[in-house]
Amino acid sequence: MRTRWQCIALSVLFLLMVAYNTISARRIAAATAALSLLDEQRMQAETVMHEFDALDKQLAEYQTEVQSLQRMDSRIEPAAVLAEISHVIGRHIALRRVEFIAEPVAAETGATVHNGTTVRAAATAHRSGKTQPLGDVRFRILLVGVAASPENVGELVCQLEASSFFCNVHPSGFRNASIEVPGGPPQSPADAKTKKVGTPSNETLQVSEFEITCYLANYEEIENQ
């Protein structure tokens, strides 16, 4: 009887151990599956973080480029300025050169900057090693041309001062000059002998060469700033 009860107890203990091992194996399998799922989620999270970091760096680069473009923006409409210049110029004036020269606004408080960048002649500025100033700039406009008389130059200065597009208008150069323009056929017999038939003669005209400097009125002057 003692041996029988011992066998029964050992059998029950064995069954309990088998059941415990079975339950433990299932729990271990479930825990392993959960760990595998968590590992996959961790890898996905790391991939998303790497993509986020890459996008964040790209966004920072784009923001830097946008800020650079904003600093390089001239904030003017050249077509409108040229249209206004064409409007104020009389029929007795011909322009040879029009230059838009960018200058830092800070130069207004000190000496006038003469090494600005001409926006029209980009190739010349590149060869001379000059760069486009960044930040807040003002534009100095240089008008070079000829007029039929000094009175026409004075009228142009008055028209520029009356225009809301320009300010600080100053004639920077003025002199009398002679130019030759194609005229009609020779009238005198002496001219007819010295020149070929049908060749037009050149007519000499007295004109006034001028240079006018002004600033584009797209900024406001504030004292002590």
Protein backbone atom coordinates (compact mmCIF):
# COMPACT_ATOMS: atom_id res chain seq x y z
CA MET A 1 0.00 0.00 0.00
CA ARG A 2 2.86 2.39 0.81
CA THR A 3 4.48 1.68 -2.52
CA ARG A 4 1.18 2.17 -4.31
CA TRP A 5 0.62 5.56 -2.67
CA GLN A 6 4.15 6.58 -3.53
CA CYS A 7 3.58 5.64 -7.19
CA ILE A 8 0.34 7.61 -7.24
CA ALA A 9 2.04 10.65 -5.70
CA LEU A 10 4.90 10.43 -8.13
CA SER A 11 2.45 10.12 -11.03
CA VAL A 12 0.52 13.21 -9.87
CA LEU A 13 3.77 15.14 -9.42
CA PHE A 14 4.90 14.11 -12.90
CA LEU A 15 1.60 15.25 -14.40
CA LEU A 16 1.89 18.55 -12.59
CA MET A 17 5.42 19.02 -13.90
CA VAL A 18 4.31 18.19 -17.46
CA ALA A 19 1.45 20.67 -17.18
CA TYR A 20 3.78 23.34 -15.73
CA ASN A 21 6.32 22.79 -18.50
CA THR A 22 3.58 22.99 -21.13
CA ILE A 23 2.20 26.23 -19.70
CA SER A 24 5.71 27.68 -19.34
CA ALA A 25 6.57 26.76 -22.94
CA ARG A 26 3.43 28.48 -24.19
CA ARG A 27 4.19 31.58 -22.13
CA ILE A 28 7.77 31.60 -23.36
CA ALA A 29 6.56 31.29 -26.97
CA ALA A 30 4.09 34.15 -26.46
CA ALA A 31 6.76 36.30 -24.84
CA THR A 32 9.18 35.52 -27.69
CA ALA A 33 6.55 36.49 -30.27
CA ALA A 34 5.86 39.71 -28.37
CA LEU A 35 9.58 40.51 -28.25
CA SER A 36 9.86 39.87 -32.00
CA LEU A 37 6.93 42.22 -32.62
CA LEU A 38 8.49 44.85 -30.37
CA ASP A 39 11.80 44.47 -32.19
CA GLU A 40 10.08 45.02 -35.52
CA GLN A 41 8.31 48.09 -34.13
CA ARG A 42 11.63 49.37 -32.77
CA MET A 43 13.24 48.96 -36.19
CA GLN A 44 10.31 50.78 -37.81
CA ALA A 45 10.60 53.55 -35.22
CA GLU A 46 14.33 53.90 -35.88
CA THR A 47 13.65 54.09 -39.63
CA VAL A 48 11.04 56.79 -39.05
CA MET A 49 13.46 58.70 -36.81
CA HIS A 50 16.19 58.55 -39.46
CA GLU A 51 13.74 59.80 -42.09
CA PHE A 52 12.59 62.55 -39.73
CA ASP A 53 16.19 63.65 -39.11
CA ALA A 54 16.88 63.69 -42.85
CA LEU A 55 13.73 65.73 -43.51
CA ASP A 56 14.60 68.07 -40.64
CA LYS A 57 18.06 68.70 -42.09
CA GLN A 58 16.58 69.25 -45.56
CA LEU A 59 14.04 71.68 -44.11
CA ALA A 60 16.82 73.59 -42.35
CA GLU A 61 18.74 73.83 -45.64
CA TYR A 62 15.63 75.10 -47.44
CA GLN A 63 15.02 77.66 -44.71
CA THR A 64 18.61 78.86 -45.03
CA GLU A 65 18.19 79.20 -48.80
CA VAL A 66 14.91 81.06 -48.36
CA GLN A 67 16.55 83.47 -45.91
CA SER A 68 19.41 84.03 -48.37
CA LEU A 69 16.95 84.69 -51.19
CA GLN A 70 15.02 87.12 -48.99
CA ARG A 71 18.25 88.95 -48.19
CA MET A 72 19.11 89.09 -51.91
CA ASP A 73 15.64 90.35 -52.90
CA SER A 74 16.00 93.90 -54.23
CA ARG A 75 12.33 94.69 -53.45
CA ILE A 76 11.99 96.77 -56.60
CA GLU A 77 10.28 96.39 -59.95
CA PRO A 78 12.83 97.37 -62.63
CA ALA A 79 10.13 97.48 -65.32
CA ALA A 80 8.13 100.07 -63.35
CA VAL A 81 11.25 102.18 -62.66
CA LEU A 82 12.29 102.12 -66.32
CA ALA A 83 8.75 103.04 -67.33
CA GLU A 84 8.85 106.03 -64.98
CA ILE A 85 12.24 107.09 -66.40
CA SER A 86 10.84 106.87 -69.92
CA HIS A 87 7.88 108.98 -68.81
CA VAL A 88 9.93 111.85 -67.34
CA ILE A 89 12.47 112.02 -70.19
CA GLY A 90 11.61 114.61 -72.82
CA ARG A 91 11.86 114.21 -76.56
CA HIS A 92 15.06 116.29 -76.69
CA ILE A 93 17.04 113.92 -74.45
CA ALA A 94 18.71 110.62 -75.36
CA LEU A 95 20.15 108.33 -72.70
CA ARG A 96 23.37 106.44 -73.31
CA ARG A 97 23.50 104.50 -70.07
CA VAL A 98 21.20 103.69 -67.17
CA GLU A 99 22.69 101.94 -64.15
CA PHE A 100 21.09 100.60 -60.97
CA ILE A 101 23.77 100.51 -58.26
CA ALA A 102 22.97 98.70 -55.01
CA GLU A 103 24.39 100.26 -51.85
CA PRO A 104 23.95 99.20 -48.21
CA VAL A 105 21.55 101.44 -46.33
CA ALA A 106 24.13 101.75 -43.53
CA ALA A 107 26.40 103.64 -45.94
CA GLU A 108 23.99 106.56 -45.81
CA THR A 109 25.15 107.58 -42.33
CA GLY A 110 28.82 107.64 -43.30
CA ALA A 111 30.73 108.18 -46.50
CA THR A 112 28.93 107.47 -49.73
CA VAL A 113 29.70 104.00 -51.06
CA HIS A 114 31.06 104.04 -54.60
CA ASN A 115 31.77 100.34 -54.98
CA GLY A 116 28.19 99.16 -55.33
CA THR A 117 27.22 96.51 -57.80
CA THR A 118 25.67 97.47 -61.10
CA VAL A 119 22.74 95.16 -61.64
CA ARG A 120 22.63 95.76 -65.36
CA ALA A 121 26.22 94.85 -66.26
CA ALA A 122 26.52 91.57 -64.42
CA ALA A 123 29.55 90.37 -66.41
CA THR A 124 31.53 93.52 -65.59
CA ALA A 125 30.77 93.16 -61.90
CA HIS A 126 31.90 89.56 -61.95
CA ARG A 127 35.19 90.38 -63.61
CA SER A 128 35.94 93.16 -61.14
CA GLY A 129 35.36 90.86 -58.17
CA LYS A 130 32.41 92.86 -56.76
CA THR A 131 29.60 91.01 -55.08
CA GLN A 132 25.96 91.86 -54.61
CA PRO A 133 25.42 93.43 -51.15
CA LEU A 134 22.97 91.52 -48.99
CA GLY A 135 20.38 92.76 -46.53
CA ASP A 136 18.71 96.16 -46.68
CA VAL A 137 19.99 98.11 -49.67
CA ARG A 138 19.10 101.27 -51.51
CA PHE A 139 19.59 101.86 -55.21
CA ARG A 140 21.57 104.70 -56.70
CA ILE A 141 20.47 105.38 -60.28
CA LEU A 142 22.97 106.85 -62.74
CA LEU A 143 21.62 108.44 -65.93
CA VAL A 144 24.13 109.32 -68.64
CA GLY A 145 23.07 110.88 -71.92
CA VAL A 146 22.90 113.94 -74.14
CA ALA A 147 20.39 116.78 -74.39
CA ALA A 148 19.69 119.33 -77.08
CA SER A 149 20.28 122.20 -74.64
CA PRO A 150 21.12 122.81 -70.96
CA GLU A 151 17.50 123.81 -70.39
CA ASN A 152 16.43 120.27 -71.26
CA VAL A 153 18.78 118.91 -68.60
CA GLY A 154 17.26 121.26 -66.04
CA GLU A 155 13.78 120.14 -67.03
CA LEU A 156 14.81 116.51 -66.60
CA VAL A 157 16.15 117.23 -63.11
CA CYS A 158 12.88 118.95 -62.18
CA GLN A 159 10.85 116.04 -63.56
CA LEU A 160 12.91 113.55 -61.55
CA GLU A 161 12.49 115.59 -58.36
CA ALA A 162 8.72 115.84 -58.94
CA SER A 163 8.40 112.08 -59.46
CA SER A 164 7.50 109.94 -56.44
CA PHE A 165 9.90 107.24 -57.67
CA PHE A 166 13.13 109.21 -57.09
CA CYS A 167 14.80 111.33 -54.42
CA ASN A 168 18.13 113.11 -53.80
CA VAL A 169 18.51 114.11 -57.45
CA HIS A 170 21.94 115.62 -58.19
CA PRO A 171 23.52 116.45 -61.57
CA SER A 172 26.99 114.93 -61.21
CA GLY A 173 28.45 115.94 -64.58
CA PHE A 174 27.73 118.44 -67.35
CA ARG A 175 29.64 119.65 -70.39
CA ASN A 176 29.05 120.85 -73.93
CA ALA A 177 29.99 118.54 -76.78
CA SER A 178 29.63 118.16 -80.52
CA ILE A 179 28.19 115.16 -82.29
CA GLU A 180 27.84 114.30 -85.95
CA VAL A 181 24.58 113.04 -87.34
CA PRO A 182 23.80 111.93 -90.89
CA GLY A 183 22.44 114.84 -92.87
CA GLY A 184 21.00 115.27 -96.34
CA PRO A 185 22.85 115.14 -99.66
CA PRO A 186 25.53 117.82 -100.28
CA GLN A 187 24.05 121.12 -101.39
CA SER A 188 27.05 123.20 -102.47
CA PRO A 189 29.01 122.47 -105.72
CA ALA A 190 32.23 122.16 -103.70
CA ASP A 191 30.69 119.45 -101.55
CA ALA A 192 29.36 117.73 -104.63
CA LYS A 193 32.87 117.55 -106.13
CA THR A 194 34.54 116.22 -103.00
CA LYS A 195 31.90 113.64 -102.17
CA LYS A 196 30.40 110.89 -104.19
CA VAL A 197 26.98 111.30 -105.64
CA GLY A 198 24.28 110.06 -103.27
CA THR A 199 26.57 110.05 -100.23
CA PRO A 200 24.87 111.95 -97.37
CA SER A 201 26.84 114.62 -95.54
CA ASN A 202 27.35 114.61 -91.77
CA GLU A 203 25.85 117.47 -89.77
CA THR A 204 27.57 118.69 -86.59
CA LEU A 205 25.29 119.50 -83.67
CA GLN A 206 26.08 121.15 -80.36
CA VAL A 207 24.66 119.13 -77.48
CA SER A 208 24.97 118.96 -73.71
CA GLU A 209 26.34 115.79 -72.18
CA PHE A 210 25.16 115.13 -68.62
CA GLU A 211 25.28 112.71 -65.75
CA ILE A 212 22.49 112.68 -63.17
CA THR A 213 22.59 110.70 -59.95
CA CYS A 214 19.48 110.00 -57.90
CA TYR A 215 18.18 107.41 -55.47
CA LEU A 216 15.17 105.20 -55.75
CA ALA A 217 12.62 106.38 -53.18
CA ASN A 218 11.72 102.92 -51.84
CA TYR A 219 12.97 103.48 -48.29
CA GLU A 220 12.19 105.86 -45.43
CA GLU A 221 14.80 107.85 -43.55
CA ILE A 222 14.41 107.75 -39.74
CA GLU A 223 16.59 109.92 -37.56
CA ASN A 224 18.93 108.31 -35.00
CA GLN A 225 18.42 104.85 -36.57
